[in-house]
Amino acid sequence: MRAALLCFLLAAPVLLVAGSPVYKSDNGTVPLVIWHGMGDSCCNPLSMGAMKKMIEEEISGIYVLSLMIGKNVVQDTENGFFLDVNEQVSMACSQLTQDPQLKGGYNAMGFSQGAQFLRAVAQRCPSPPMKTLISVGGQHQGVYGLPRCPGESSHICDMIRKALNSGAYSDLVQKHLVQAQYWHDPLNDDLYKKHSLFLADINQERAVNETYKKNLQLLEKFVMVKFLQDTVVDPVDTEWFGFLKTGQAKETETLQESLLYKEDRLGLAAMDKAGKLDFLATKGDHLQFSREWFTANLVPYLQ
């Protein structure tokens, strides 16, 4: 599978955008860290590269760090499929700690799976401090389906579907397939809680880690964006931290209806009562939005 993806990536030209200059810490802006989704990379000029440029145009003087997980764009894209998420989060934390531009704190914006990865950063790595977390189509309760892949990675998605359907919670699949680590099977809840290497941990499914709970509540805002015509994320409710009710695969529940919220295992109920949770929705498919919508609805959180 890794070889197939590598061949796919090398078959297309790879473009890089120029790195940002060093900005003064006293220019009045809060730095922004962004993390791309599945099948993308830090510096794709048609996605994250364009996003970085747009934000820099909208907020004069802002420092934007687009996380690269690996030594180059090919590794970054490949790691989004195959590198243990916990290792990816550790690599991201290391980058953030070593970046002098971020020492006073930063805002974070995650796209698709990059959103739940950045939430793990907030819970596990409180220094430098994350101020606001914006989740754009993130899957905070995981997924139970892979209906369609973004971009042109459909053959890779076919391989992923087969692996997930044959044994998402086997050691082999869990350790070598990123999407398996946030696969949430409501029909096999015990298997999910016992064997999920990433999602069950950050969602406090096995035990309550008080450090995770305390660190997440340090956020000033946690913003979640749902795409109302999403054909990539299943169920779409996960983008607002909702999911399928346990024991069946048809009826969904909201975050507020879940045990995670009612027992406040992650501090989300306390954050909600404090006005720290914002739920936004937009028409369109996965990660499809206009510059006008982004500027009107998300840029204000960054200023």
C-alpha atoms as a PDB file:
ATOM      1  CA  MET A   1       0.000   0.000   0.000  1.00  0.00           C
ATOM      2  CA  ARG A   2       2.804   2.407   0.878  1.00  0.00           C
ATOM      3  CA  ALA A   3       4.566   1.663  -2.401  1.00  0.00           C
ATOM      4  CA  ALA A   4       1.384   2.279  -4.374  1.00  0.00           C
ATOM      5  CA  LEU A   5       0.860   5.669  -2.743  1.00  0.00           C
ATOM      6  CA  LEU A   6       4.492   6.666  -3.273  1.00  0.00           C
ATOM      7  CA  CYS A   7       4.249   5.866  -6.988  1.00  0.00           C
ATOM      8  CA  PHE A   8       1.039   7.891  -7.186  1.00  0.00           C
ATOM      9  CA  LEU A   9       2.664  10.907  -5.553  1.00  0.00           C
ATOM     10  CA  LEU A  10       5.822  10.790  -7.632  1.00  0.00           C
ATOM     11  CA  ALA A  11       3.806  10.592 -10.848  1.00  0.00           C
ATOM     12  CA  ALA A  12       2.705  14.205 -10.453  1.00  0.00           C
ATOM     13  CA  PRO A  13       4.875  17.320 -10.259  1.00  0.00           C
ATOM     14  CA  VAL A  14       5.366  18.725  -6.782  1.00  0.00           C
ATOM     15  CA  LEU A  15       5.296  22.490  -6.309  1.00  0.00           C
ATOM     16  CA  LEU A  16       6.492  24.381  -3.267  1.00  0.00           C
ATOM     17  CA  VAL A  17       5.548  27.833  -2.092  1.00  0.00           C
ATOM     18  CA  ALA A  18       8.100  30.168  -0.598  1.00  0.00           C
ATOM     19  CA  GLY A  19       8.444  30.150   3.168  1.00  0.00           C
ATOM     20  CA  SER A  20       7.195  33.069   5.221  1.00  0.00           C
ATOM     21  CA  PRO A  21       9.567  35.776   6.423  1.00  0.00           C
ATOM     22  CA  VAL A  22      10.183  36.153  10.141  1.00  0.00           C
ATOM     23  CA  TYR A  23       7.594  38.467  11.668  1.00  0.00           C
ATOM     24  CA  LYS A  24       8.047  40.709  14.682  1.00  0.00           C
ATOM     25  CA  SER A  25       6.332  39.455  17.819  1.00  0.00           C
ATOM     26  CA  ASP A  26       4.992  42.936  18.547  1.00  0.00           C
ATOM     27  CA  ASN A  27       2.992  43.428  15.340  1.00  0.00           C
ATOM     28  CA  GLY A  28      -0.270  42.780  17.165  1.00  0.00           C
ATOM     29  CA  THR A  29      -1.200  39.528  15.438  1.00  0.00           C
ATOM     30  CA  VAL A  30      -1.476  36.047  16.921  1.00  0.00           C
ATOM     31  CA  PRO A  31       0.448  33.381  14.950  1.00  0.00           C
ATOM     32  CA  LEU A  32      -1.590  30.672  13.230  1.00  0.00           C
ATOM     33  CA  VAL A  33      -0.760  26.968  12.880  1.00  0.00           C
ATOM     34  CA  ILE A  34      -2.628  24.964  10.224  1.00  0.00           C
ATOM     35  CA  TRP A  35      -2.727  21.194   9.640  1.00  0.00           C
ATOM     36  CA  HIS A  36      -3.934  19.688   6.383  1.00  0.00           C
ATOM     37  CA  GLY A  37      -6.275  16.753   5.828  1.00  0.00           C
ATOM     38  CA  MET A  38      -5.984  13.288   4.299  1.00  0.00           C
ATOM     39  CA  GLY A  39      -4.359  13.131   0.870  1.00  0.00           C
ATOM     40  CA  ASP A  40      -3.065  16.699   1.123  1.00  0.00           C
ATOM     41  CA  SER A  41       0.221  18.277   2.191  1.00  0.00           C
ATOM     42  CA  CYS A  42       1.443  21.374   3.967  1.00  0.00           C
ATOM     43  CA  CYS A  43       2.388  23.210   0.811  1.00  0.00           C
ATOM     44  CA  ASN A  44       0.073  22.191  -2.019  1.00  0.00           C
ATOM     45  CA  PRO A  45      -0.370  25.450  -3.985  1.00  0.00           C
ATOM     46  CA  LEU A  46      -3.987  24.531  -4.742  1.00  0.00           C
ATOM     47  CA  SER A  47      -4.966  23.888  -1.118  1.00  0.00           C
ATOM     48  CA  MET A  48      -2.838  24.618   1.955  1.00  0.00           C
ATOM     49  CA  GLY A  49      -0.461  26.855   0.046  1.00  0.00           C
ATOM     50  CA  ALA A  50      -3.385  28.893  -1.238  1.00  0.00           C
ATOM     51  CA  MET A  51      -4.999  28.916   2.219  1.00  0.00           C
ATOM     52  CA  LYS A  52      -1.804  30.200   3.833  1.00  0.00           C
ATOM     53  CA  LYS A  53      -1.476  32.937   1.220  1.00  0.00           C
ATOM     54  CA  MET A  54      -5.123  33.967   1.593  1.00  0.00           C
ATOM     55  CA  ILE A  55      -4.844  34.293   5.383  1.00  0.00           C
ATOM     56  CA  GLU A  56      -1.660  36.349   5.047  1.00  0.00           C
ATOM     57  CA  GLU A  57      -3.505  38.657   2.645  1.00  0.00           C
ATOM     58  CA  GLU A  58      -6.489  38.999   4.982  1.00  0.00           C
ATOM     59  CA  ILE A  59      -4.453  39.601   8.177  1.00  0.00           C
ATOM     60  CA  SER A  60      -1.454  41.816   7.567  1.00  0.00           C
ATOM     61  CA  GLY A  61       1.733  40.670   9.280  1.00  0.00           C
ATOM     62  CA  ILE A  62       0.399  37.338  10.554  1.00  0.00           C
ATOM     63  CA  TYR A  63       2.825  34.429  10.894  1.00  0.00           C
ATOM     64  CA  VAL A  64       1.319  31.226   9.468  1.00  0.00           C
ATOM     65  CA  LEU A  65       2.949  27.845  10.014  1.00  0.00           C
ATOM     66  CA  SER A  66       1.607  25.027   7.844  1.00  0.00           C
ATOM     67  CA  LEU A  67       2.717  21.818   9.509  1.00  0.00           C
ATOM     68  CA  MET A  68       4.827  19.406   7.476  1.00  0.00           C
ATOM     69  CA  ILE A  69       4.936  15.920   8.992  1.00  0.00           C
ATOM     70  CA  GLY A  70       8.067  14.516   7.409  1.00  0.00           C
ATOM     71  CA  LYS A  71      11.105  15.809   5.576  1.00  0.00           C
ATOM     72  CA  ASN A  72       9.334  16.761   2.353  1.00  0.00           C
ATOM     73  CA  VAL A  73       5.926  17.079   0.695  1.00  0.00           C
ATOM     74  CA  VAL A  74       5.861  13.441  -0.437  1.00  0.00           C
ATOM     75  CA  GLN A  75       6.533  12.172   3.092  1.00  0.00           C
ATOM     76  CA  ASP A  76       4.005  14.625   4.506  1.00  0.00           C
ATOM     77  CA  THR A  77       1.264  13.320   2.204  1.00  0.00           C
ATOM     78  CA  GLU A  78       2.220   9.678   2.710  1.00  0.00           C
ATOM     79  CA  ASN A  79       2.315  10.086   6.499  1.00  0.00           C
ATOM     80  CA  GLY A  80      -1.285  11.315   6.389  1.00  0.00           C
ATOM     81  CA  PHE A  81      -2.202   7.758   5.408  1.00  0.00           C
ATOM     82  CA  PHE A  82       0.341   5.547   7.120  1.00  0.00           C
ATOM     83  CA  LEU A  83       2.192   7.134  10.070  1.00  0.00           C
ATOM     84  CA  ASP A  84       0.875   6.435  13.589  1.00  0.00           C
ATOM     85  CA  VAL A  85      -1.174   9.491  14.573  1.00  0.00           C
ATOM     86  CA  ASN A  86       0.381   9.580  18.028  1.00  0.00           C
ATOM     87  CA  GLU A  87       3.810   9.910  16.418  1.00  0.00           C
ATOM     88  CA  GLN A  88       2.492  12.628  14.118  1.00  0.00           C
ATOM     89  CA  VAL A  89       1.154  14.573  17.102  1.00  0.00           C
ATOM     90  CA  SER A  90       4.520  14.236  18.866  1.00  0.00           C
ATOM     91  CA  MET A  91       6.302  15.530  15.756  1.00  0.00           C
ATOM     92  CA  ALA A  92       3.911  18.478  15.577  1.00  0.00           C
ATOM     93  CA  CYS A  93       4.433  19.285  19.267  1.00  0.00           C
ATOM     94  CA  SER A  94       8.185  19.266  18.708  1.00  0.00           C
ATOM     95  CA  GLN A  95       7.870  21.706  15.810  1.00  0.00           C
ATOM     96  CA  LEU A  96       5.690  24.055  17.837  1.00  0.00           C
ATOM     97  CA  THR A  97       7.997  23.992  20.851  1.00  0.00           C
ATOM     98  CA  GLN A  98      11.041  24.792  18.726  1.00  0.00           C
ATOM     99  CA  ASP A  99       9.463  27.669  16.789  1.00  0.00           C
ATOM    100  CA  PRO A 100      10.348  30.981  18.506  1.00  0.00           C
ATOM    101  CA  GLN A 101       7.478  32.731  16.710  1.00  0.00           C
ATOM    102  CA  LEU A 102       4.993  30.705  18.753  1.00  0.00           C
ATOM    103  CA  LYS A 103       6.383  31.101  22.251  1.00  0.00           C
ATOM    104  CA  GLY A 104       3.689  33.618  23.229  1.00  0.00           C
ATOM    105  CA  GLY A 105       0.875  31.383  22.031  1.00  0.00           C
ATOM    106  CA  TYR A 106      -0.930  30.702  18.777  1.00  0.00           C
ATOM    107  CA  ASN A 107      -4.262  29.952  17.164  1.00  0.00           C
ATOM    108  CA  ALA A 108      -4.763  26.669  15.325  1.00  0.00           C
ATOM    109  CA  MET A 109      -6.873  25.627  12.359  1.00  0.00           C
ATOM    110  CA  GLY A 110      -7.213  21.996  11.322  1.00  0.00           C
ATOM    111  CA  PHE A 111      -8.731  20.793   8.081  1.00  0.00           C
ATOM    112  CA  SER A 112     -10.534  17.432   8.087  1.00  0.00           C
ATOM    113  CA  GLN A 113      -8.396  14.879  10.010  1.00  0.00           C
ATOM    114  CA  GLY A 114      -5.910  17.649  10.812  1.00  0.00           C
ATOM    115  CA  ALA A 115      -8.561  19.092  13.144  1.00  0.00           C
ATOM    116  CA  GLN A 116      -8.681  16.149  15.547  1.00  0.00           C
ATOM    117  CA  PHE A 117      -4.893  15.894  15.361  1.00  0.00           C
ATOM    118  CA  LEU A 118      -4.610  19.519  16.502  1.00  0.00           C
ATOM    119  CA  ARG A 119      -7.097  18.834  19.296  1.00  0.00           C
ATOM    120  CA  ALA A 120      -4.713  16.121  20.471  1.00  0.00           C
ATOM    121  CA  VAL A 121      -1.946  18.727  20.412  1.00  0.00           C
ATOM    122  CA  ALA A 122      -4.068  20.989  22.638  1.00  0.00           C
ATOM    123  CA  GLN A 123      -4.688  18.142  25.086  1.00  0.00           C
ATOM    124  CA  ARG A 124      -1.151  16.757  25.174  1.00  0.00           C
ATOM    125  CA  CYS A 125       1.119  19.755  24.540  1.00  0.00           C
ATOM    126  CA  PRO A 126       0.020  22.876  26.437  1.00  0.00           C
ATOM    127  CA  SER A 127       3.269  24.758  25.758  1.00  0.00           C
ATOM    128  CA  PRO A 128       3.321  26.918  23.749  1.00  0.00           C
ATOM    129  CA  PRO A 129      -0.335  27.641  24.544  1.00  0.00           C
ATOM    130  CA  MET A 130      -3.020  27.158  21.901  1.00  0.00           C
ATOM    131  CA  LYS A 131      -5.548  29.985  22.182  1.00  0.00           C
ATOM    132  CA  THR A 132      -8.301  29.194  19.684  1.00  0.00           C
ATOM    133  CA  LEU A 133      -8.843  25.910  17.842  1.00  0.00           C
ATOM    134  CA  ILE A 134     -10.864  26.010  14.621  1.00  0.00           C
ATOM    135  CA  SER A 135     -11.952  22.630  13.309  1.00  0.00           C
ATOM    136  CA  VAL A 136     -12.892  22.760   9.624  1.00  0.00           C
ATOM    137  CA  GLY A 137     -14.728  19.537   8.835  1.00  0.00           C
ATOM    138  CA  GLY A 138     -12.896  17.602  11.570  1.00  0.00           C
ATOM    139  CA  GLN A 139     -14.046  14.176  12.765  1.00  0.00           C
ATOM    140  CA  HIS A 140     -13.962  14.473  16.555  1.00  0.00           C
ATOM    141  CA  GLN A 141     -15.971  11.340  17.219  1.00  0.00           C
ATOM    142  CA  GLY A 142     -14.290   9.508  14.364  1.00  0.00           C
ATOM    143  CA  VAL A 143     -15.905   8.043  11.266  1.00  0.00           C
ATOM    144  CA  TYR A 144     -17.873   4.938  10.421  1.00  0.00           C
ATOM    145  CA  GLY A 145     -17.553   4.970   6.681  1.00  0.00           C
ATOM    146  CA  LEU A 146     -15.249   6.214   3.947  1.00  0.00           C
ATOM    147  CA  PRO A 147     -17.722   7.059   1.182  1.00  0.00           C
ATOM    148  CA  ARG A 148     -15.465   9.197  -0.984  1.00  0.00           C
ATOM    149  CA  CYS A 149     -11.907  10.468  -0.888  1.00  0.00           C
ATOM    150  CA  PRO A 150     -10.903  14.033  -1.738  1.00  0.00           C
ATOM    151  CA  GLY A 151      -8.660  14.676  -4.712  1.00  0.00           C
ATOM    152  CA  GLU A 152      -7.446  11.858  -6.921  1.00  0.00           C
ATOM    153  CA  SER A 153      -6.567   9.271  -4.271  1.00  0.00           C
ATOM    154  CA  SER A 154      -9.530   6.985  -4.997  1.00  0.00           C
ATOM    155  CA  HIS A 155      -7.396   3.879  -5.499  1.00  0.00           C
ATOM    156  CA  ILE A 156      -5.754   4.468  -2.143  1.00  0.00           C
ATOM    157  CA  CYS A 157      -9.213   4.871  -0.608  1.00  0.00           C
ATOM    158  CA  ASP A 158     -10.267   1.523  -2.060  1.00  0.00           C
ATOM    159  CA  MET A 159      -7.332  -0.105  -0.253  1.00  0.00           C
ATOM    160  CA  ILE A 160      -8.234   1.702   2.968  1.00  0.00           C
ATOM    161  CA  ARG A 161     -11.871   0.590   2.780  1.00  0.00           C
ATOM    162  CA  LYS A 162     -10.842  -3.030   2.395  1.00  0.00           C
ATOM    163  CA  ALA A 163      -8.463  -2.812   5.353  1.00  0.00           C
ATOM    164  CA  LEU A 164     -11.045  -1.128   7.581  1.00  0.00           C
ATOM    165  CA  ASN A 165     -13.792  -3.546   6.652  1.00  0.00           C
ATOM    166  CA  SER A 166     -11.583  -6.593   7.203  1.00  0.00           C
ATOM    167  CA  GLY A 167     -10.259  -5.614  10.615  1.00  0.00           C
ATOM    168  CA  ALA A 168      -9.976  -1.987  11.669  1.00  0.00           C
ATOM    169  CA  TYR A 169      -9.014  -2.914  15.232  1.00  0.00           C
ATOM    170  CA  SER A 170      -6.361  -5.519  14.455  1.00  0.00           C
ATOM    171  CA  ASP A 171      -2.868  -4.559  15.604  1.00  0.00           C
ATOM    172  CA  LEU A 172      -1.546  -4.515  12.037  1.00  0.00           C
ATOM    173  CA  VAL A 173      -4.212  -2.167  10.696  1.00  0.00           C
ATOM    174  CA  GLN A 174      -4.216   0.089  13.774  1.00  0.00           C
ATOM    175  CA  LYS A 175      -0.455   0.571  13.686  1.00  0.00           C
ATOM    176  CA  HIS A 176      -0.139   1.195   9.956  1.00  0.00           C
ATOM    177  CA  LEU A 177      -3.303   2.960   8.813  1.00  0.00           C
ATOM    178  CA  VAL A 178      -4.094   6.464  10.044  1.00  0.00           C
ATOM    179  CA  GLN A 179      -7.808   6.305   9.267  1.00  0.00           C
ATOM    180  CA  ALA A 180      -8.161   3.130  11.371  1.00  0.00           C
ATOM    181  CA  GLN A 181      -7.007   5.113  14.398  1.00  0.00           C
ATOM    182  CA  TYR A 182     -10.133   7.268  14.262  1.00  0.00           C
ATOM    183  CA  TRP A 183     -12.456   4.533  12.977  1.00  0.00           C
ATOM    184  CA  HIS A 184     -15.373   4.382  15.417  1.00  0.00           C
ATOM    185  CA  ASP A 185     -17.572   1.310  15.036  1.00  0.00           C
ATOM    186  CA  PRO A 186     -20.830   1.746  17.026  1.00  0.00           C
ATOM    187  CA  LEU A 187     -21.623  -1.944  16.525  1.00  0.00           C
ATOM    188  CA  ASN A 188     -18.356  -3.012  18.168  1.00  0.00           C
ATOM    189  CA  ASP A 189     -18.004  -0.475  20.942  1.00  0.00           C
ATOM    190  CA  ASP A 190     -15.906  -2.707  23.200  1.00  0.00           C
ATOM    191  CA  LEU A 191     -13.403  -3.405  20.420  1.00  0.00           C
ATOM    192  CA  TYR A 192     -13.182   0.299  19.636  1.00  0.00           C
ATOM    193  CA  LYS A 193     -12.552   1.299  23.251  1.00  0.00           C
ATOM    194  CA  LYS A 194      -9.978  -1.435  23.778  1.00  0.00           C
ATOM    195  CA  HIS A 195      -7.993  -1.279  20.544  1.00  0.00           C
ATOM    196  CA  SER A 196      -8.282   2.244  19.113  1.00  0.00           C
ATOM    197  CA  LEU A 197      -4.764   3.646  19.437  1.00  0.00           C
ATOM    198  CA  PHE A 198      -5.680   7.306  19.009  1.00  0.00           C
ATOM    199  CA  LEU A 199      -9.335   8.378  19.123  1.00  0.00           C
ATOM    200  CA  ALA A 200     -10.362   6.301  22.147  1.00  0.00           C
ATOM    201  CA  ASP A 201      -7.464   7.841  24.046  1.00  0.00           C
ATOM    202  CA  ILE A 202      -8.052  11.516  23.254  1.00  0.00           C
ATOM    203  CA  ASN A 203     -11.814  11.072  23.775  1.00  0.00           C
ATOM    204  CA  GLN A 204     -11.328   9.583  27.245  1.00  0.00           C
ATOM    205  CA  GLU A 205     -13.037   6.296  26.318  1.00  0.00           C
ATOM    206  CA  ARG A 206     -10.923   4.054  28.567  1.00  0.00           C
ATOM    207  CA  ALA A 207     -10.222   6.348  31.485  1.00  0.00           C
ATOM    208  CA  VAL A 208     -10.341  10.036  32.316  1.00  0.00           C
ATOM    209  CA  ASN A 209      -6.974  11.710  31.896  1.00  0.00           C
ATOM    210  CA  GLU A 210      -7.376  14.855  33.978  1.00  0.00           C
ATOM    211  CA  THR A 211      -4.453  16.503  32.173  1.00  0.00           C
ATOM    212  CA  TYR A 212      -6.247  16.170  28.840  1.00  0.00           C
ATOM    213  CA  LYS A 213      -9.376  17.664  30.362  1.00  0.00           C
ATOM    214  CA  LYS A 214      -7.529  20.544  32.001  1.00  0.00           C
ATOM    215  CA  ASN A 215      -5.485  21.366  28.907  1.00  0.00           C
ATOM    216  CA  LEU A 216      -8.463  21.404  26.531  1.00  0.00           C
ATOM    217  CA  GLN A 217     -10.297  23.794  28.819  1.00  0.00           C
ATOM    218  CA  LEU A 218      -7.392  26.241  28.512  1.00  0.00           C
ATOM    219  CA  LEU A 219      -8.663  27.078  25.033  1.00  0.00           C
ATOM    220  CA  GLU A 220     -10.343  30.448  24.717  1.00  0.00           C
ATOM    221  CA  LYS A 221     -12.507  29.146  21.861  1.00  0.00           C
ATOM    222  CA  PHE A 222     -13.152  25.791  20.187  1.00  0.00           C
ATOM    223  CA  VAL A 223     -14.893  26.384  16.863  1.00  0.00           C
ATOM    224  CA  MET A 224     -16.362  23.488  14.844  1.00  0.00           C
ATOM    225  CA  VAL A 225     -17.438  23.854  11.207  1.00  0.00           C
ATOM    226  CA  LYS A 226     -19.874  21.361   9.655  1.00  0.00           C
ATOM    227  CA  PHE A 227     -20.396  20.962   5.896  1.00  0.00           C
ATOM    228  CA  LEU A 228     -24.091  20.336   5.303  1.00  0.00           C
ATOM    229  CA  GLN A 229     -23.666  18.473   1.984  1.00  0.00           C
ATOM    230  CA  ASP A 230     -20.561  16.536   3.044  1.00  0.00           C
ATOM    231  CA  THR A 231     -20.028  13.346   0.994  1.00  0.00           C
ATOM    232  CA  VAL A 232     -16.612  12.515   2.464  1.00  0.00           C
ATOM    233  CA  VAL A 233     -17.272  12.344   6.227  1.00  0.00           C
ATOM    234  CA  ASP A 234     -19.689   9.734   7.569  1.00  0.00           C
ATOM    235  CA  PRO A 235     -21.548  10.520   9.746  1.00  0.00           C
ATOM    236  CA  VAL A 236     -21.342  14.278   9.221  1.00  0.00           C
ATOM    237  CA  ASP A 237     -22.499  14.803  12.844  1.00  0.00           C
ATOM    238  CA  THR A 238     -18.936  14.036  13.956  1.00  0.00           C
ATOM    239  CA  GLU A 239     -17.915  17.466  12.647  1.00  0.00           C
ATOM    240  CA  TRP A 240     -19.895  18.926  15.577  1.00  0.00           C
ATOM    241  CA  PHE A 241     -18.673  16.190  17.969  1.00  0.00           C
ATOM    242  CA  GLY A 242     -21.865  14.156  17.549  1.00  0.00           C
ATOM    243  CA  PHE A 243     -22.025  10.550  16.372  1.00  0.00           C
ATOM    244  CA  LEU A 244     -24.090   7.416  15.906  1.00  0.00           C
ATOM    245  CA  LYS A 245     -25.745   6.061  19.035  1.00  0.00           C
ATOM    246  CA  THR A 246     -23.946   2.997  20.367  1.00  0.00           C
ATOM    247  CA  GLY A 247     -25.277  -0.395  19.286  1.00  0.00           C
ATOM    248  CA  GLN A 248     -26.733   0.616  15.926  1.00  0.00           C
ATOM    249  CA  ALA A 249     -25.679   2.493  12.796  1.00  0.00           C
ATOM    250  CA  LYS A 250     -28.643   4.658  11.805  1.00  0.00           C
ATOM    251  CA  GLU A 251     -29.673   7.034  14.598  1.00  0.00           C
ATOM    252  CA  THR A 252     -27.316   9.826  15.582  1.00  0.00           C
ATOM    253  CA  GLU A 253     -26.962  11.931  18.714  1.00  0.00           C
ATOM    254  CA  THR A 254     -25.579  15.403  19.287  1.00  0.00           C
ATOM    255  CA  LEU A 255     -22.581  16.185  21.456  1.00  0.00           C
ATOM    256  CA  GLN A 256     -24.957  17.453  24.149  1.00  0.00           C
ATOM    257  CA  GLU A 257     -26.839  14.134  24.141  1.00  0.00           C
ATOM    258  CA  SER A 258     -23.700  12.017  24.479  1.00  0.00           C
ATOM    259  CA  LEU A 259     -22.256  10.450  27.637  1.00  0.00           C
ATOM    260  CA  LEU A 260     -18.980  12.227  26.891  1.00  0.00           C
ATOM    261  CA  TYR A 261     -20.803  15.512  27.430  1.00  0.00           C
ATOM    262  CA  LYS A 262     -23.211  14.441  30.192  1.00  0.00           C
ATOM    263  CA  GLU A 263     -20.363  12.984  32.268  1.00  0.00           C
ATOM    264  CA  ASP A 264     -18.111  15.854  31.099  1.00  0.00           C
ATOM    265  CA  ARG A 265     -15.208  13.469  30.642  1.00  0.00           C
ATOM    266  CA  LEU A 266     -13.341  15.955  28.428  1.00  0.00           C
ATOM    267  CA  GLY A 267     -14.509  19.276  29.848  1.00  0.00           C
ATOM    268  CA  LEU A 268     -16.688  20.065  26.829  1.00  0.00           C
ATOM    269  CA  ALA A 269     -19.824  20.660  28.919  1.00  0.00           C
ATOM    270  CA  ALA A 270     -17.957  23.162  31.092  1.00  0.00           C
ATOM    271  CA  MET A 271     -16.552  24.838  27.974  1.00  0.00           C
ATOM    272  CA  ASP A 272     -20.039  24.999  26.437  1.00  0.00           C
ATOM    273  CA  LYS A 273     -21.486  26.630  29.549  1.00  0.00           C
ATOM    274  CA  ALA A 274     -18.620  29.127  29.517  1.00  0.00           C
ATOM    275  CA  GLY A 275     -19.391  30.085  25.922  1.00  0.00           C
ATOM    276  CA  LYS A 276     -16.190  28.575  24.560  1.00  0.00           C
ATOM    277  CA  LEU A 277     -17.808  26.252  21.996  1.00  0.00           C
ATOM    278  CA  ASP A 278     -19.015  27.676  18.685  1.00  0.00           C
ATOM    279  CA  PHE A 279     -20.844  25.534  16.105  1.00  0.00           C
ATOM    280  CA  LEU A 280     -20.835  26.847  12.538  1.00  0.00           C
ATOM    281  CA  ALA A 281     -22.408  25.317   9.445  1.00  0.00           C
ATOM    282  CA  THR A 282     -22.028  26.017   5.749  1.00  0.00           C
ATOM    283  CA  LYS A 283     -23.648  24.678   2.634  1.00  0.00           C
ATOM    284  CA  GLY A 284     -21.418  22.614   0.395  1.00  0.00           C
ATOM    285  CA  ASP A 285     -19.366  19.451   0.263  1.00  0.00           C
ATOM    286  CA  HIS A 286     -16.312  18.604   2.370  1.00  0.00           C
ATOM    287  CA  LEU A 287     -13.947  21.594   2.722  1.00  0.00           C
ATOM    288  CA  GLN A 288     -15.832  23.491   0.019  1.00  0.00           C
ATOM    289  CA  PHE A 289     -16.294  27.137   0.947  1.00  0.00           C
ATOM    290  CA  SER A 290     -15.807  30.545  -0.635  1.00  0.00           C
ATOM    291  CA  ARG A 291     -13.229  33.103   0.336  1.00  0.00           C
ATOM    292  CA  GLU A 292     -16.084  35.411   1.278  1.00  0.00           C
ATOM    293  CA  TRP A 293     -17.530  32.860   3.710  1.00  0.00           C
ATOM    294  CA  PHE A 294     -14.111  32.141   5.212  1.00  0.00           C
ATOM    295  CA  THR A 295     -13.339  35.842   5.639  1.00  0.00           C
ATOM    296  CA  ALA A 296     -16.709  36.636   7.189  1.00  0.00           C
ATOM    297  CA  ASN A 297     -16.952  33.620   9.507  1.00  0.00           C
ATOM    298  CA  LEU A 298     -13.466  32.396  10.432  1.00  0.00           C
ATOM    299  CA  VAL A 299     -11.037  35.293  10.027  1.00  0.00           C
ATOM    300  CA  PRO A 300     -12.629  37.205  12.971  1.00  0.00           C
ATOM    301  CA  TYR A 301     -11.463  34.378  15.295  1.00  0.00           C
ATOM    302  CA  LEU A 302      -7.889  35.004  14.140  1.00  0.00           C
ATOM    303  CA  GLN A 303      -7.806  38.762  14.668  1.00  0.00           C
END
